[in-house]
Amino acid sequence: MSAAGKPPSRYSRAALARVVAVMAGAMLVGLPSSGITGLEGGALRPAFAAAPVPEHSKAPVLPLLRAALGPSPLTVLRGAKAEPPAVDRSPLGTSAEVIAFIKEQEGLSLVAFTGPGGCTLIGYGHRTDAPLGTEIALAEAERLLKDDIAVMEAAVHRAVKVPMTKAEFSAMVALAYNIGPNAFARSSVARRLNAGDRDGAAEAFLLWTKLRRDGTLVESSHLKARRQAERDMFRAGTA
């Protein structure tokens, strides 16, 4: 209640002034200015139709009134809904720093060789069916790297259903490049991140430190150091 004991107006003086302006405009086209009791069919209905109303005065003025008044404070309060925060869902790209990290960790070989896991590799750790000893040019190795990164980026986007920072995304691409897209999709890294456990996802990088040698999984100091670096990259995006 106001100090005078009267309920406060639902509209500001400026809004009411706009209504008066609309009414004055309506009078200029022949609409009676007194005895208005309600709305009907989108036009103001006169209470006393002593004189016929010209056809051109029946233009709908309800939209004009609504535009002049705007929503009442109560309507705004009752109908307002909090807008969700905007999320950038544009495709992320692997950072140049992480691409350099992948190249360093994988090493470069322009000749096909047997990798630690028994697969035939060439270029920057690219798996190939080419015979051992097959040679490629540096430009081909760079192209294979670019293609493989695109595959891993797509795999991370498919597996992770929550928003990611560029640092988180890049670290997971580096992991997927090493363990493969299918293994990443099943990994605790992706599962925990989707569950909202970012700390747990970061620590899950350290679960991938073994390689298969002669049919047996063995701990690799190289993979352990690589996973720790990837975890730190991931955490850089959660600070």
Foldseek 3Di string as FASTA:
>chain_A
DDPVPDDDDQFDPQLVVQVVVLLVVLVVQQDDSPQFDDDDPQATDHNDPPDPGDPVSRDRCVVVSCVSGPDGPVCCVVPPDDDDDDADPDQAAADPVLLVVLCVLQDAAQFWDQDQQRFIAHQSRHGDPDDGGDGDDNVVSVVSSVVLLVVLSVLLVVQADDGADNLQSNLSSSLCSVPPSVCSSVFPLSVCVNVVNLVSNLVSLQVPQWHAHPNDTDGDPSSNVSSNVSSVSNVVRVD
